[in-house]
Amino acid sequence: MDAARQDEIKRRFGTRVRELRKARNLSQEAVALRCGLDRSYVGGIERGENNLSLINIHRLAEALGVEAGELLG
């Protein structure tokens, strides 16, 4: 997989995280606290800068009250 495709996947994932967070009226800080991640890391996820581990994907899903698969939608 080329770098452009990887960047697109991270960007789409981050957009989905932001959509779900805003739909629940949560700040980045609130989500970060719920899942044990740094707020700046959550911001990087939403901007498509971070390549998450499977564990962190599940942490985010739990913090947002969704199944992990919904983050990929």
N, C-alpha and C. Protein backbone atom coordinates (compact mmCIF):
# COMPACT_ATOMS: atom_id res chain seq x y z
N MET A 1 0.84 -1.16 0.00
CA MET A 1 0.00 0.00 0.00
C MET A 1 0.90 1.24 0.00
N ASP A 2 0.60 2.17 -0.89
CA ASP A 2 1.45 3.35 -0.97
C ASP A 2 1.10 4.37 0.11
N ALA A 3 1.98 5.34 0.29
CA ALA A 3 1.83 6.33 1.36
C ALA A 3 0.58 7.17 1.20
N ALA A 4 0.21 7.49 -0.02
CA ALA A 4 -0.99 8.30 -0.24
C ALA A 4 -2.24 7.56 0.22
N ARG A 5 -2.30 6.28 -0.04
CA ARG A 5 -3.44 5.46 0.41
C ARG A 5 -3.47 5.38 1.93
N GLN A 6 -2.32 5.20 2.55
CA GLN A 6 -2.26 5.16 4.01
C GLN A 6 -2.74 6.47 4.61
N ASP A 7 -2.32 7.59 4.03
CA ASP A 7 -2.76 8.90 4.52
C ASP A 7 -4.26 9.07 4.38
N GLU A 8 -4.82 8.61 3.29
CA GLU A 8 -6.27 8.69 3.06
C GLU A 8 -7.04 7.87 4.10
N ILE A 9 -6.55 6.70 4.41
CA ILE A 9 -7.19 5.84 5.42
C ILE A 9 -7.17 6.53 6.78
N LYS A 10 -6.03 7.08 7.16
CA LYS A 10 -5.93 7.77 8.46
C LYS A 10 -6.83 9.00 8.50
N ARG A 11 -6.90 9.74 7.39
CA ARG A 11 -7.74 10.93 7.34
C ARG A 11 -9.21 10.57 7.47
N ARG A 12 -9.65 9.54 6.75
CA ARG A 12 -11.06 9.12 6.82
C ARG A 12 -11.40 8.61 8.21
N PHE A 13 -10.50 7.88 8.83
CA PHE A 13 -10.72 7.38 10.18
C PHE A 13 -10.86 8.57 11.14
N GLY A 14 -9.96 9.53 11.03
CA GLY A 14 -10.01 10.70 11.89
C GLY A 14 -11.28 11.50 11.72
N THR A 15 -11.73 11.62 10.49
CA THR A 15 -12.99 12.33 10.23
C THR A 15 -14.15 11.62 10.91
N ARG A 16 -14.15 10.32 10.85
CA ARG A 16 -15.22 9.54 11.50
C ARG A 16 -15.19 9.69 13.01
N VAL A 17 -14.00 9.67 13.61
CA VAL A 17 -13.87 9.87 15.05
C VAL A 17 -14.43 11.25 15.42
N ARG A 18 -14.06 12.27 14.67
CA ARG A 18 -14.54 13.63 14.94
C ARG A 18 -16.07 13.70 14.84
N GLU A 19 -16.63 13.09 13.80
CA GLU A 19 -18.10 13.09 13.63
C GLU A 19 -18.79 12.47 14.84
N LEU A 20 -18.29 11.32 15.27
CA LEU A 20 -18.91 10.63 16.41
C LEU A 20 -18.73 11.43 17.70
N ARG A 21 -17.56 12.01 17.88
CA ARG A 21 -17.31 12.80 19.08
C ARG A 21 -18.25 14.00 19.14
N LYS A 22 -18.37 14.72 18.04
CA LYS A 22 -19.24 15.90 18.02
C LYS A 22 -20.71 15.52 18.16
N ALA A 23 -21.11 14.40 17.59
CA ALA A 23 -22.50 13.95 17.71
C ALA A 23 -22.87 13.66 19.17
N ARG A 24 -21.85 13.36 19.97
CA ARG A 24 -22.07 13.07 21.39
C ARG A 24 -21.75 14.27 22.28
N ASN A 25 -21.49 15.42 21.63
CA ASN A 25 -21.16 16.66 22.35
C ASN A 25 -20.01 16.48 23.32
N LEU A 26 -18.97 15.78 22.86
CA LEU A 26 -17.79 15.55 23.68
C LEU A 26 -16.63 16.38 23.14
N SER A 27 -15.81 16.89 24.04
CA SER A 27 -14.58 17.56 23.64
C SER A 27 -13.50 16.51 23.39
N GLN A 28 -12.43 16.92 22.72
CA GLN A 28 -11.30 16.01 22.56
C GLN A 28 -10.76 15.61 23.92
N GLU A 29 -10.74 16.55 24.84
CA GLU A 29 -10.23 16.26 26.18
C GLU A 29 -11.09 15.21 26.88
N ALA A 30 -12.41 15.32 26.74
CA ALA A 30 -13.30 14.36 27.38
C ALA A 30 -13.09 12.96 26.81
N VAL A 31 -12.95 12.86 25.51
CA VAL A 31 -12.70 11.56 24.88
C VAL A 31 -11.35 11.02 25.34
N ALA A 32 -10.35 11.88 25.36
CA ALA A 32 -9.01 11.46 25.79
C ALA A 32 -9.05 10.91 27.21
N LEU A 33 -9.74 11.59 28.10
CA LEU A 33 -9.85 11.13 29.48
C LEU A 33 -10.56 9.79 29.57
N ARG A 34 -11.61 9.62 28.79
CA ARG A 34 -12.38 8.37 28.81
C ARG A 34 -11.56 7.17 28.33
N CYS A 35 -10.66 7.41 27.39
CA CYS A 35 -9.93 6.26 26.84
C CYS A 35 -8.46 6.21 27.26
N GLY A 36 -8.04 7.12 28.11
CA GLY A 36 -6.69 7.07 28.64
C GLY A 36 -5.61 7.47 27.65
N LEU A 37 -5.96 8.35 26.72
CA LEU A 37 -4.99 8.85 25.75
C LEU A 37 -4.78 10.34 25.97
N ASP A 38 -3.70 10.87 25.48
CA ASP A 38 -3.44 12.29 25.59
C ASP A 38 -4.34 13.06 24.63
N ARG A 39 -4.79 14.26 25.05
CA ARG A 39 -5.67 15.06 24.21
C ARG A 39 -5.02 15.40 22.87
N SER A 40 -3.73 15.70 22.89
CA SER A 40 -3.06 16.04 21.63
C SER A 40 -2.99 14.83 20.69
N TYR A 41 -2.93 13.62 21.25
CA TYR A 41 -2.94 12.41 20.44
C TYR A 41 -4.30 12.25 19.78
N VAL A 42 -5.38 12.51 20.53
CA VAL A 42 -6.73 12.44 19.96
C VAL A 42 -6.87 13.47 18.84
N GLY A 43 -6.34 14.67 19.05
CA GLY A 43 -6.36 15.68 17.99
C GLY A 43 -5.62 15.21 16.75
N GLY A 44 -4.48 14.56 16.95
CA GLY A 44 -3.72 14.01 15.83
C GLY A 44 -4.48 12.92 15.09
N ILE A 45 -5.24 12.13 15.82
CA ILE A 45 -6.08 11.11 15.20
C ILE A 45 -7.09 11.78 14.29
N GLU A 46 -7.76 12.79 14.83
CA GLU A 46 -8.81 13.47 14.06
C GLU A 46 -8.25 14.18 12.83
N ARG A 47 -7.01 14.60 12.88
CA ARG A 47 -6.37 15.24 11.72
C ARG A 47 -5.75 14.23 10.76
N GLY A 48 -5.82 12.95 11.09
CA GLY A 48 -5.26 11.92 10.23
C GLY A 48 -3.76 11.81 10.31
N GLU A 49 -3.18 12.24 11.42
CA GLU A 49 -1.73 12.23 11.58
C GLU A 49 -1.20 10.97 12.25
N ASN A 50 -2.05 10.29 13.01
CA ASN A 50 -1.59 9.15 13.80
C ASN A 50 -2.09 7.83 13.23
N ASN A 51 -1.23 6.84 13.24
CA ASN A 51 -1.57 5.49 12.83
C ASN A 51 -1.81 4.69 14.11
N LEU A 52 -3.05 4.42 14.42
CA LEU A 52 -3.43 3.82 15.69
C LEU A 52 -3.19 2.33 15.74
N SER A 53 -2.95 1.85 16.96
CA SER A 53 -2.90 0.42 17.19
C SER A 53 -4.33 -0.10 17.34
N LEU A 54 -4.51 -1.36 17.19
CA LEU A 54 -5.82 -1.97 17.36
C LEU A 54 -6.37 -1.72 18.76
N ILE A 55 -5.52 -1.75 19.76
CA ILE A 55 -5.94 -1.49 21.14
C ILE A 55 -6.49 -0.07 21.27
N ASN A 56 -5.82 0.90 20.69
CA ASN A 56 -6.29 2.28 20.79
C ASN A 56 -7.57 2.50 20.00
N ILE A 57 -7.77 1.77 18.93
CA ILE A 57 -9.04 1.84 18.20
C ILE A 57 -10.16 1.38 19.11
N HIS A 58 -9.95 0.30 19.82
CA HIS A 58 -10.97 -0.21 20.74
C HIS A 58 -11.19 0.75 21.91
N ARG A 59 -10.13 1.35 22.40
CA ARG A 59 -10.28 2.34 23.47
C ARG A 59 -11.16 3.51 23.02
N LEU A 60 -10.88 4.01 21.83
CA LEU A 60 -11.68 5.11 21.29
C LEU A 60 -13.14 4.70 21.12
N ALA A 61 -13.36 3.52 20.59
CA ALA A 61 -14.73 3.04 20.38
C ALA A 61 -15.48 2.99 21.71
N GLU A 62 -14.85 2.46 22.72
CA GLU A 62 -15.49 2.39 24.04
C GLU A 62 -15.79 3.79 24.57
N ALA A 63 -14.85 4.70 24.41
CA ALA A 63 -15.04 6.07 24.90
C ALA A 63 -16.20 6.77 24.19
N LEU A 64 -16.41 6.41 22.92
CA LEU A 64 -17.48 7.01 22.14
C LEU A 64 -18.78 6.21 22.21
N GLY A 65 -18.74 5.06 22.85
CA GLY A 65 -19.93 4.22 22.99
C GLY A 65 -20.39 3.56 21.72
N VAL A 66 -19.41 3.17 20.89
CA VAL A 66 -19.74 2.49 19.63
C VAL A 66 -18.89 1.23 19.51
N GLU A 67 -19.25 0.39 18.55
CA GLU A 67 -18.43 -0.76 18.22
C GLU A 67 -17.25 -0.28 17.39
N ALA A 68 -16.12 -0.95 17.50
CA ALA A 68 -14.92 -0.54 16.79
C ALA A 68 -15.17 -0.43 15.28
N GLY A 69 -15.97 -1.30 14.74
CA GLY A 69 -16.28 -1.27 13.30
C GLY A 69 -16.94 0.03 12.85
N GLU A 70 -17.67 0.68 13.73
CA GLU A 70 -18.31 1.95 13.37
C GLU A 70 -17.29 3.05 13.11
N LEU A 71 -16.12 2.93 13.67
CA LEU A 71 -15.07 3.92 13.43
C LEU A 71 -14.51 3.79 12.03
N LEU A 72 -14.68 2.64 11.44
CA LEU A 72 -14.15 2.41 10.09
C LEU A 72 -15.16 2.75 9.01
N GLY A 73 -16.39 3.02 9.41
CA GLY A 73 -17.47 3.29 8.46
C GLY A 73 -17.38 4.63 7.91
